[in-house]
Amino acid sequence: MLHNPFINLFCFHFQTYKLHIYFSLQTIFMAFTVCYLLLLPLFGSFLMVAYGNLNQHFDITWGDGRAKILNNGELLTLSLDKASGSGFESKNEYLFGNIDMQLKLVPGNSAGTVTAYYLKSPGTTWDEIDFEFLGNLSGDPYILHTNVFSQGKGNREQQFYLWFDPTADFHTYSILWNPQRIIFSVDGTPIREFKNSESIGVPFPKSQPMRIHSSLWNADDWATRGGLVKTDWTQAPFTASYRNFKADACVWSNGASSCSSIPPSSTTSTWFSQELDSTSQQRLKWAQSNYMIYNYCTDTKRFPQGIPLECNTS
């Protein structure tokens, strides 16, 4: 009879060799099962990994039928015509995370249209992290517009061309948001880093939970060549498509974060303290050197009293 299965795990008797192995394996299995069940709630409460069915993660918020979730939740489309655009938002609010979405933008003559994909908190002193895709005439490149708002203040625009046709196929647009920095990436290549500069008096988005939003809308008063090129409604409806959403993130619910019960040093949360390594810094420099077309930090005419403080951080 096994009085102490943990001692018997290591004490095999030749006369009952097979029996001891059998019970020892059972003991190991039971021990691992107990540990797993005890630790699962702890680790599960830190990290919410969302992916898969878009029905489970998003609500269509406007558009009167112009937004659709198709293919059993694998595909979401937004459309725009002369009467209305459309949009959706996430069911969850997030306070920090590493969020991916694949988009395929409006093809052809998309001048005047804007496809916006962003994180935003409610209220008058909101935080916001923006991707906006400004349409253009057929054959001309899209402009990827990025911005960061903290406590209702934005004016931190950086704009890029892309090194591919974003209408021909799906591409992954990512926001890594942790307490130290925000990193915008395209297909895994970082294009922008906005660091936490609270130490020099610049507010940083870190206390307001944000939902994911996206919309397709008409902005021909400014979107293409400063509003000179108007939307060609004979090309409507315009359609943008979404798939393969993934969020490794802290979910905010009932006034508390799902990340509060375990230290951020957990191996399940590398994004929580992630920074750009030397390879990523080189890729960032490549993207900015070759594809950045506007940087508020170098616009001295716009800021005659001096560029914003965060522009002086390395």
Protein backbone atom coordinates (compact mmCIF):
# COMPACT_ATOMS: atom_id res chain seq x y z
CA MET A 1 0.00 0.00 0.00
CA LEU A 2 1.31 3.48 -0.88
CA HIS A 3 1.41 5.54 2.31
CA ASN A 4 3.29 8.45 0.73
CA PRO A 5 3.02 8.66 -3.05
CA PHE A 6 5.64 11.41 -3.32
CA ILE A 7 8.27 9.21 -1.59
CA ASN A 8 7.19 6.22 -3.66
CA LEU A 9 7.70 8.34 -6.77
CA PHE A 10 11.44 7.80 -6.30
CA CYS A 11 11.48 4.47 -4.42
CA PHE A 12 10.99 1.62 -6.82
CA HIS A 13 11.06 -1.96 -5.51
CA PHE A 14 12.24 -4.56 -7.94
CA GLN A 15 9.57 -7.04 -6.89
CA THR A 16 6.73 -4.65 -7.72
CA TYR A 17 8.46 -2.68 -10.41
CA LYS A 18 5.56 -2.30 -12.84
CA LEU A 19 3.09 -1.51 -10.10
CA HIS A 20 5.27 1.24 -8.67
CA ILE A 21 5.81 2.80 -12.10
CA TYR A 22 2.05 2.80 -12.67
CA PHE A 23 1.27 4.55 -9.40
CA SER A 24 4.22 6.91 -9.76
CA LEU A 25 3.03 8.08 -13.15
CA GLN A 26 -0.42 8.57 -11.71
CA THR A 27 1.08 10.65 -8.91
CA ILE A 28 3.00 12.82 -11.36
CA PHE A 29 -0.09 13.34 -13.47
CA MET A 30 -2.20 14.23 -10.45
CA ALA A 31 0.43 16.64 -9.13
CA PHE A 32 0.69 18.47 -12.44
CA THR A 33 -3.08 18.60 -12.78
CA VAL A 34 -3.49 20.11 -9.33
CA CYS A 35 -0.76 22.70 -9.98
CA TYR A 36 -2.27 23.60 -13.34
CA LEU A 37 -5.75 24.06 -11.91
CA LEU A 38 -4.42 26.18 -9.05
CA LEU A 39 -2.29 28.41 -11.27
CA LEU A 40 -4.64 28.75 -14.24
CA PRO A 41 -6.89 31.40 -12.67
CA LEU A 42 -3.84 33.39 -11.61
CA PHE A 43 -2.18 33.47 -15.00
CA GLY A 44 -5.45 33.68 -16.88
CA SER A 45 -6.36 36.81 -14.99
CA PHE A 46 -3.20 38.52 -16.17
CA LEU A 47 -3.38 38.06 -19.89
CA MET A 48 -6.37 37.95 -22.18
CA VAL A 49 -5.45 36.58 -25.58
CA ALA A 50 -8.31 37.34 -27.95
CA TYR A 51 -8.46 36.02 -31.48
CA GLY A 52 -10.73 34.27 -33.91
CA ASN A 53 -14.43 34.97 -34.33
CA LEU A 54 -14.97 38.68 -34.86
CA ASN A 55 -18.55 38.34 -33.63
CA GLN A 56 -17.16 37.57 -30.19
CA HIS A 57 -15.01 40.69 -29.98
CA PHE A 58 -16.77 43.48 -31.89
CA ASP A 59 -20.13 45.22 -32.21
CA ILE A 60 -21.21 47.04 -35.34
CA THR A 61 -22.08 50.52 -34.08
CA TRP A 62 -23.33 52.45 -37.09
CA GLY A 63 -23.94 52.30 -40.82
CA ASP A 64 -27.46 50.93 -41.17
CA GLY A 65 -26.39 47.57 -42.59
CA ARG A 66 -23.27 48.81 -44.37
CA ALA A 67 -21.02 46.96 -41.92
CA LYS A 68 -21.13 43.17 -42.03
CA ILE A 69 -19.51 40.25 -40.22
CA LEU A 70 -19.22 37.35 -42.67
CA ASN A 71 -17.84 33.82 -43.07
CA ASN A 72 -18.83 32.67 -39.58
CA GLY A 73 -17.07 35.60 -37.97
CA GLU A 74 -13.81 35.34 -39.93
CA LEU A 75 -14.28 38.53 -41.98
CA LEU A 76 -15.64 42.00 -41.23
CA THR A 77 -16.37 44.59 -43.94
CA LEU A 78 -17.17 48.29 -43.74
CA SER A 79 -18.70 50.13 -46.68
CA LEU A 80 -19.29 53.74 -47.60
CA ASP A 81 -21.74 55.28 -50.05
CA LYS A 82 -23.03 58.81 -50.52
CA ALA A 83 -25.64 58.36 -47.79
CA SER A 84 -23.43 56.99 -45.01
CA GLY A 85 -20.27 55.26 -43.91
CA SER A 86 -20.07 52.58 -41.21
CA GLY A 87 -18.14 51.51 -38.16
CA PHE A 88 -17.57 49.06 -35.32
CA GLU A 89 -16.05 48.95 -31.85
CA SER A 90 -14.69 46.31 -29.50
CA LYS A 91 -16.85 44.77 -26.82
CA ASN A 92 -13.95 45.03 -24.37
CA GLU A 93 -12.05 48.00 -23.06
CA TYR A 94 -8.27 47.60 -22.77
CA LEU A 95 -5.65 49.23 -20.55
CA PHE A 96 -2.38 48.27 -22.28
CA GLY A 97 -1.94 45.52 -24.81
CA ASN A 98 -0.38 44.23 -28.01
CA ILE A 99 -3.10 44.41 -30.65
CA ASP A 100 -3.04 43.17 -34.25
CA MET A 101 -5.58 43.48 -37.04
CA GLN A 102 -5.27 42.64 -40.70
CA LEU A 103 -6.82 45.17 -43.08
CA LYS A 104 -7.34 45.35 -46.82
CA LEU A 105 -8.09 48.92 -47.84
CA VAL A 106 -10.49 50.44 -50.37
CA PRO A 107 -9.14 49.67 -53.86
CA GLY A 108 -9.13 51.87 -56.95
CA ASN A 109 -10.05 55.53 -56.71
CA SER A 110 -10.38 55.96 -52.95
CA ALA A 111 -9.85 59.73 -52.95
CA GLY A 112 -11.78 61.49 -50.21
CA THR A 113 -12.28 58.37 -48.08
CA VAL A 114 -10.72 57.67 -44.71
CA THR A 115 -10.42 54.26 -43.08
CA ALA A 116 -9.74 54.84 -39.39
CA TYR A 117 -8.55 52.14 -37.00
CA TYR A 118 -7.77 53.33 -33.49
CA LEU A 119 -7.98 52.99 -29.71
CA LYS A 120 -9.96 55.66 -27.86
CA SER A 121 -11.29 56.38 -24.37
CA PRO A 122 -14.53 58.33 -23.78
CA GLY A 123 -14.84 61.81 -22.33
CA THR A 124 -13.54 65.31 -23.01
CA THR A 125 -9.96 64.59 -21.90
CA TRP A 126 -9.68 61.37 -23.82
CA ASP A 127 -6.67 59.27 -24.82
CA GLU A 128 -6.36 57.96 -28.37
CA ILE A 129 -3.91 55.98 -30.53
CA ASP A 130 -4.62 56.36 -34.26
CA PHE A 131 -4.07 54.62 -37.54
CA GLU A 132 -5.86 56.49 -40.34
CA PHE A 133 -5.58 55.55 -44.01
CA LEU A 134 -6.18 58.48 -46.35
CA GLY A 135 -7.47 57.44 -49.74
CA ASN A 136 -6.13 58.71 -53.04
CA LEU A 137 -6.61 58.65 -56.79
CA SER A 138 -6.03 55.38 -58.59
CA GLY A 139 -2.32 54.72 -58.91
CA ASP A 140 -1.33 57.21 -56.20
CA PRO A 141 -0.23 55.84 -52.83
CA TYR A 142 -2.30 55.76 -49.68
CA ILE A 143 -1.11 57.94 -46.82
CA LEU A 144 -0.90 56.26 -43.41
CA HIS A 145 -1.60 58.92 -40.79
CA THR A 146 -0.72 58.26 -37.13
CA ASN A 147 -1.46 60.31 -34.04
CA VAL A 148 -1.37 60.01 -30.25
CA PHE A 149 -3.75 61.90 -27.95
CA SER A 150 -3.23 62.17 -24.21
CA GLN A 151 -5.76 63.92 -21.97
CA GLY A 152 -7.49 65.36 -25.02
CA LYS A 153 -4.35 66.78 -26.63
CA GLY A 154 -3.15 65.47 -29.98
CA ASN A 155 -1.29 67.35 -32.72
CA ARG A 156 1.34 64.60 -32.82
CA GLU A 157 0.95 63.54 -36.43
CA GLN A 158 3.40 61.41 -38.34
CA GLN A 159 2.53 60.31 -41.88
CA PHE A 160 3.93 57.57 -44.09
CA TYR A 161 3.67 56.01 -47.50
CA LEU A 162 3.61 52.21 -47.49
CA TRP A 163 6.10 49.97 -49.27
CA PHE A 164 3.33 47.83 -50.78
CA ASP A 165 -0.16 48.18 -52.23
CA PRO A 166 -2.47 48.01 -49.17
CA THR A 167 -5.50 47.32 -51.37
CA ALA A 168 -4.18 44.18 -53.07
CA ASP A 169 -4.07 41.96 -50.00
CA PHE A 170 -4.41 41.93 -46.22
CA HIS A 171 -1.61 43.41 -44.11
CA THR A 172 -1.13 43.46 -40.35
CA TYR A 173 -1.33 46.77 -38.49
CA SER A 174 -0.23 46.57 -34.85
CA ILE A 175 -0.30 48.76 -31.76
CA LEU A 176 1.91 47.81 -28.84
CA TRP A 177 0.88 49.92 -25.85
CA ASN A 178 2.57 49.49 -22.49
CA PRO A 179 3.36 51.91 -19.63
CA GLN A 180 6.69 52.92 -21.20
CA ARG A 181 5.89 53.38 -24.89
CA ILE A 182 3.51 53.03 -27.83
CA ILE A 183 4.87 51.31 -30.95
CA PHE A 184 3.06 51.39 -34.30
CA SER A 185 4.02 48.53 -36.64
CA VAL A 186 3.11 47.38 -40.14
CA ASP A 187 3.64 43.71 -40.97
CA GLY A 188 5.98 43.50 -37.99
CA THR A 189 8.09 46.51 -39.01
CA PRO A 190 7.95 49.35 -36.47
CA ILE A 191 7.24 52.71 -38.07
CA ARG A 192 6.76 54.91 -35.00
CA GLU A 193 7.59 54.90 -31.30
CA PHE A 194 5.99 57.33 -28.84
CA LYS A 195 7.76 57.14 -25.50
CA ASN A 196 6.43 57.96 -22.05
CA SER A 197 7.82 61.43 -21.33
CA GLU A 198 5.91 62.18 -18.15
CA SER A 199 9.22 62.96 -16.44
CA ILE A 200 9.40 66.17 -18.51
CA GLY A 201 5.73 67.04 -18.15
CA VAL A 202 4.19 65.34 -21.20
CA PRO A 203 1.01 63.35 -20.39
CA PHE A 204 1.05 59.71 -21.49
CA PRO A 205 -1.97 57.42 -22.05
CA LYS A 206 -1.81 55.09 -19.08
CA SER A 207 -4.90 55.47 -16.89
CA GLN A 208 -7.89 55.58 -19.25
CA PRO A 209 -9.15 52.28 -20.69
CA MET A 210 -9.77 52.39 -24.43
CA ARG A 211 -11.92 50.49 -26.88
CA ILE A 212 -10.86 49.56 -30.39
CA HIS A 213 -12.81 51.50 -33.02
CA SER A 214 -12.84 51.49 -36.77
CA SER A 215 -14.80 53.43 -39.35
CA LEU A 216 -14.96 54.13 -43.07
CA TRP A 217 -16.20 57.62 -43.83
CA ASN A 218 -16.17 60.51 -46.27
CA ALA A 219 -13.62 63.22 -45.49
CA ASP A 220 -13.19 64.83 -48.89
CA ASP A 221 -13.01 68.27 -47.29
CA TRP A 222 -9.44 67.46 -46.16
CA ALA A 223 -8.32 63.85 -46.71
CA THR A 224 -6.87 63.96 -50.23
CA ARG A 225 -4.53 66.80 -51.19
CA GLY A 226 -6.00 69.00 -48.50
CA GLY A 227 -9.53 68.61 -49.87
CA LEU A 228 -8.72 69.51 -53.46
CA VAL A 229 -9.70 66.03 -54.69
CA LYS A 230 -13.29 65.08 -53.94
CA THR A 231 -14.88 61.66 -53.55
CA ASP A 232 -16.05 60.13 -56.83
CA TRP A 233 -19.39 58.68 -55.82
CA THR A 234 -19.71 56.80 -59.11
CA GLN A 235 -17.13 54.42 -57.60
CA ALA A 236 -19.31 53.70 -54.53
CA PRO A 237 -19.80 51.60 -52.54
CA PHE A 238 -16.27 51.72 -51.14
CA THR A 239 -15.30 48.72 -49.01
CA ALA A 240 -12.55 47.98 -46.47
CA SER A 241 -12.06 44.49 -45.01
CA TYR A 242 -10.77 43.16 -41.67
CA ARG A 243 -9.67 39.75 -40.39
CA ASN A 244 -7.31 37.93 -37.99
CA PHE A 245 -7.79 40.13 -34.95
CA LYS A 246 -5.52 39.30 -32.04
CA ALA A 247 -5.13 41.07 -28.69
CA ASP A 248 -2.66 40.08 -25.97
CA ALA A 249 -4.05 42.62 -23.58
CA CYS A 250 -5.25 43.72 -20.17
CA VAL A 251 -9.03 43.89 -20.18
CA TRP A 252 -10.69 46.58 -18.09
CA SER A 253 -13.97 45.54 -16.50
CA ASN A 254 -15.96 46.78 -13.52
CA GLY A 255 -13.27 49.27 -12.56
CA ALA A 256 -10.40 46.80 -12.49
CA SER A 257 -7.76 45.47 -14.86
CA SER A 258 -7.39 41.77 -15.59
CA CYS A 259 -3.63 42.33 -15.21
CA SER A 260 -3.71 43.39 -11.58
CA SER A 261 -3.28 39.99 -9.94
CA ILE A 262 0.18 39.04 -11.17
CA PRO A 263 3.42 41.03 -11.54
CA PRO A 264 4.14 42.34 -15.06
CA SER A 265 7.43 40.42 -15.03
CA SER A 266 5.51 37.24 -15.82
CA THR A 267 6.82 35.43 -18.87
CA THR A 268 3.31 35.59 -20.29
CA SER A 269 3.53 39.38 -20.57
CA THR A 270 6.72 40.22 -22.45
CA TRP A 271 4.88 42.97 -24.32
CA PHE A 272 4.17 44.74 -21.01
CA SER A 273 7.81 45.84 -20.77
CA GLN A 274 8.80 45.39 -24.41
CA GLU A 275 11.07 47.91 -26.11
CA LEU A 276 12.73 48.04 -29.49
CA ASP A 277 15.85 45.91 -29.72
CA SER A 278 18.72 46.89 -32.01
CA THR A 279 17.24 45.07 -35.01
CA SER A 280 13.85 46.72 -34.53
CA GLN A 281 15.51 50.11 -34.14
CA GLN A 282 17.23 49.61 -37.49
CA ARG A 283 13.93 48.65 -39.11
CA LEU A 284 12.28 51.72 -37.57
CA LYS A 285 15.05 53.92 -38.97
CA TRP A 286 14.62 52.28 -42.39
CA ALA A 287 10.86 52.90 -42.44
CA GLN A 288 11.19 56.50 -41.30
CA SER A 289 14.08 57.32 -43.64
CA ASN A 290 12.38 55.89 -46.71
CA TYR A 291 8.64 56.29 -46.15
CA MET A 292 7.91 59.05 -43.62
CA ILE A 293 6.44 62.08 -45.39
CA TYR A 294 5.48 64.25 -42.40
CA ASN A 295 6.78 64.53 -38.84
CA TYR A 296 5.34 67.09 -36.46
CA CYS A 297 8.64 67.09 -34.58
CA THR A 298 10.40 68.77 -37.52
CA ASP A 299 7.62 71.23 -38.40
CA THR A 300 9.18 74.40 -37.01
CA LYS A 301 6.71 76.63 -38.87
CA ARG A 302 3.86 74.96 -37.06
CA PHE A 303 5.57 75.33 -33.69
CA PRO A 304 7.36 78.70 -33.84
CA GLN A 305 7.75 78.76 -30.06
CA GLY A 306 9.66 75.47 -30.15
CA ILE A 307 8.87 71.88 -31.03
CA PRO A 308 6.92 69.84 -28.45
CA LEU A 309 8.92 68.60 -25.47
CA GLU A 310 8.59 64.90 -26.30
CA CYS A 311 10.38 65.52 -29.62
CA ASN A 312 13.61 66.13 -27.71
CA THR A 313 13.67 62.65 -26.17
CA SER A 314 15.86 60.08 -27.85
